[in-house]
Amino acid sequence: MMKTMTLELEIAADGSLRLDVPFGLPPGKAEVVLVVRPLLQPQPPFASLAGAWQAYFPADFDTMAALREIRQEWEGEWD
């Protein structure tokens, strides 16, 4: 019986990895294939773009008001 498992584990500060396999495997020899891939840390969407376009607009330009106006225009077209 072969089982494929994907587990998210934490590597300890000393580099050790503890693996418990509570999946009902019978005692005896087994071939274990280990692939270690660091998980990407989630980042807020568009974090690198925050304020990037600010220099292209006048200082008193209200971005949120402009977006609301565009949204209202689009919603009007959908109706």
C-alpha atoms as a PDB file:
ATOM      1  CA  MET A   1       0.000   0.000   0.000  1.00  0.00           C
ATOM      2  CA  MET A   2       1.481   3.336  -1.078  1.00  0.00           C
ATOM      3  CA  LYS A   3       0.346   6.631   0.390  1.00  0.00           C
ATOM      4  CA  THR A   4       1.229  10.126  -0.754  1.00  0.00           C
ATOM      5  CA  MET A   5       1.031  12.766   1.951  1.00  0.00           C
ATOM      6  CA  THR A   6       1.593  16.499   1.874  1.00  0.00           C
ATOM      7  CA  LEU A   7       2.402  17.923   5.275  1.00  0.00           C
ATOM      8  CA  GLU A   8       3.229  21.446   6.370  1.00  0.00           C
ATOM      9  CA  LEU A   9       5.926  21.162   9.040  1.00  0.00           C
ATOM     10  CA  GLU A  10       8.165  23.531  10.958  1.00  0.00           C
ATOM     11  CA  ILE A  11      11.927  23.136  10.806  1.00  0.00           C
ATOM     12  CA  ALA A  12      13.478  23.774  14.224  1.00  0.00           C
ATOM     13  CA  ALA A  13      16.186  26.380  14.818  1.00  0.00           C
ATOM     14  CA  ASP A  14      18.792  23.586  14.938  1.00  0.00           C
ATOM     15  CA  GLY A  15      17.712  22.408  11.475  1.00  0.00           C
ATOM     16  CA  SER A  16      15.932  19.287  12.714  1.00  0.00           C
ATOM     17  CA  LEU A  17      12.579  18.123  11.391  1.00  0.00           C
ATOM     18  CA  ARG A  18      10.194  15.897  13.320  1.00  0.00           C
ATOM     19  CA  LEU A  19       7.859  13.738  11.283  1.00  0.00           C
ATOM     20  CA  ASP A  20       5.054  11.710  12.832  1.00  0.00           C
ATOM     21  CA  VAL A  21       3.080   9.548  10.434  1.00  0.00           C
ATOM     22  CA  PRO A  22      -0.252   8.669  12.079  1.00  0.00           C
ATOM     23  CA  PHE A  23      -1.787   7.226   8.913  1.00  0.00           C
ATOM     24  CA  GLY A  24      -2.077   3.583   9.904  1.00  0.00           C
ATOM     25  CA  LEU A  25       0.950   2.312   8.042  1.00  0.00           C
ATOM     26  CA  PRO A  26       1.939  -1.217   9.017  1.00  0.00           C
ATOM     27  CA  PRO A  27       5.214  -1.738  10.911  1.00  0.00           C
ATOM     28  CA  GLY A  28       8.189  -2.637   8.750  1.00  0.00           C
ATOM     29  CA  LYS A  29      10.470  -1.106   6.187  1.00  0.00           C
ATOM     30  CA  ALA A  30       9.255   1.695   3.962  1.00  0.00           C
ATOM     31  CA  GLU A  31      10.750   3.874   1.267  1.00  0.00           C
ATOM     32  CA  VAL A  32      10.408   7.554   2.165  1.00  0.00           C
ATOM     33  CA  VAL A  33      10.843  10.310  -0.413  1.00  0.00           C
ATOM     34  CA  LEU A  34      11.340  13.734   1.115  1.00  0.00           C
ATOM     35  CA  VAL A  35      11.007  16.974  -0.845  1.00  0.00           C
ATOM     36  CA  VAL A  36      11.714  20.138   1.134  1.00  0.00           C
ATOM     37  CA  ARG A  37      10.350  23.340  -0.351  1.00  0.00           C
ATOM     38  CA  PRO A  38      10.231  26.573   1.647  1.00  0.00           C
ATOM     39  CA  LEU A  39       6.753  28.036   1.887  1.00  0.00           C
ATOM     40  CA  LEU A  40       6.382  31.545   0.536  1.00  0.00           C
ATOM     41  CA  GLN A  41       5.306  34.046   3.125  1.00  0.00           C
ATOM     42  CA  PRO A  42       1.976  35.592   2.118  1.00  0.00           C
ATOM     43  CA  GLN A  43       2.237  39.273   1.346  1.00  0.00           C
ATOM     44  CA  PRO A  44      -0.506  41.828   1.007  1.00  0.00           C
ATOM     45  CA  PRO A  45      -1.577  42.168  -2.619  1.00  0.00           C
ATOM     46  CA  PHE A  46       0.097  45.023  -4.447  1.00  0.00           C
ATOM     47  CA  ALA A  47       2.155  45.975  -1.389  1.00  0.00           C
ATOM     48  CA  SER A  48       5.010  47.111  -3.606  1.00  0.00           C
ATOM     49  CA  LEU A  49       2.684  49.411  -5.573  1.00  0.00           C
ATOM     50  CA  ALA A  50       1.446  51.339  -2.555  1.00  0.00           C
ATOM     51  CA  GLY A  51       1.950  55.006  -3.369  1.00  0.00           C
ATOM     52  CA  ALA A  52       3.910  54.223  -6.542  1.00  0.00           C
ATOM     53  CA  TRP A  53       1.565  56.277  -8.751  1.00  0.00           C
ATOM     54  CA  GLN A  54       1.185  59.175  -6.345  1.00  0.00           C
ATOM     55  CA  ALA A  55       3.859  61.282  -8.088  1.00  0.00           C
ATOM     56  CA  TYR A  56       1.893  61.154 -11.368  1.00  0.00           C
ATOM     57  CA  PHE A  57      -1.169  62.946  -9.950  1.00  0.00           C
ATOM     58  CA  PRO A  58      -1.649  66.426  -8.502  1.00  0.00           C
ATOM     59  CA  ALA A  59      -1.198  66.638  -4.723  1.00  0.00           C
ATOM     60  CA  ASP A  60      -4.929  67.346  -4.202  1.00  0.00           C
ATOM     61  CA  PHE A  61      -6.092  64.442  -6.410  1.00  0.00           C
ATOM     62  CA  ASP A  62      -8.506  62.173  -4.515  1.00  0.00           C
ATOM     63  CA  THR A  63      -7.785  58.664  -5.813  1.00  0.00           C
ATOM     64  CA  MET A  64     -10.667  57.057  -3.927  1.00  0.00           C
ATOM     65  CA  ALA A  65     -13.175  59.582  -5.271  1.00  0.00           C
ATOM     66  CA  ALA A  66     -11.920  58.948  -8.814  1.00  0.00           C
ATOM     67  CA  LEU A  67     -12.269  55.199  -8.348  1.00  0.00           C
ATOM     68  CA  ARG A  68     -15.802  55.609  -6.979  1.00  0.00           C
ATOM     69  CA  GLU A  69     -16.702  57.717 -10.017  1.00  0.00           C
ATOM     70  CA  ILE A  70     -15.299  55.103 -12.423  1.00  0.00           C
ATOM     71  CA  ARG A  71     -17.178  52.367 -10.588  1.00  0.00           C
ATOM     72  CA  GLN A  72     -20.447  54.298 -10.809  1.00  0.00           C
ATOM     73  CA  GLU A  73     -19.909  54.788 -14.553  1.00  0.00           C
ATOM     74  CA  TRP A  74     -19.252  51.069 -15.065  1.00  0.00           C
ATOM     75  CA  GLU A  75     -22.242  50.064 -12.959  1.00  0.00           C
ATOM     76  CA  GLY A  76     -24.380  52.432 -15.043  1.00  0.00           C
ATOM     77  CA  GLU A  77     -23.224  50.676 -18.198  1.00  0.00           C
ATOM     78  CA  TRP A  78     -24.093  47.275 -16.711  1.00  0.00           C
ATOM     79  CA  ASP A  79     -27.683  48.286 -15.928  1.00  0.00           C
END
